[in-house]
């Protein structure tokens, strides 16, 4: 709700689709789209479930090569779990927790 309110206040809510869904069941049918996600980490997910989630994120990225993916994660070693190298990574803090923002930009759409 807060993100949606911020998008409305910025006047860009018609260009953004907000969704809470399990990543492994989500399909993306928009070429050259962008996914920004904050998957569970820390207290929000059990350690035994987290590796499978990140493996699925990696598979989804490979299956959608024209899409861009931006992932905020507290999982150290997330790139290894996704079997993907981020083009850029930034270290941030979510409260007092050190997290990483992984950037996997896809290709630019062709000119029309």
Foldseek 3Di string as FASTA:
>chain_A
DVVLVVCVVVVNNVVDDDDDDQLLPDADDDFQEEEEDEDDDDPPDDPVVVLVSLCSVLVRCVVRQRYKYKYKALDVCSCVSSVHAAPDKDWDDDDNGIIIIGTGHHDDDDDD
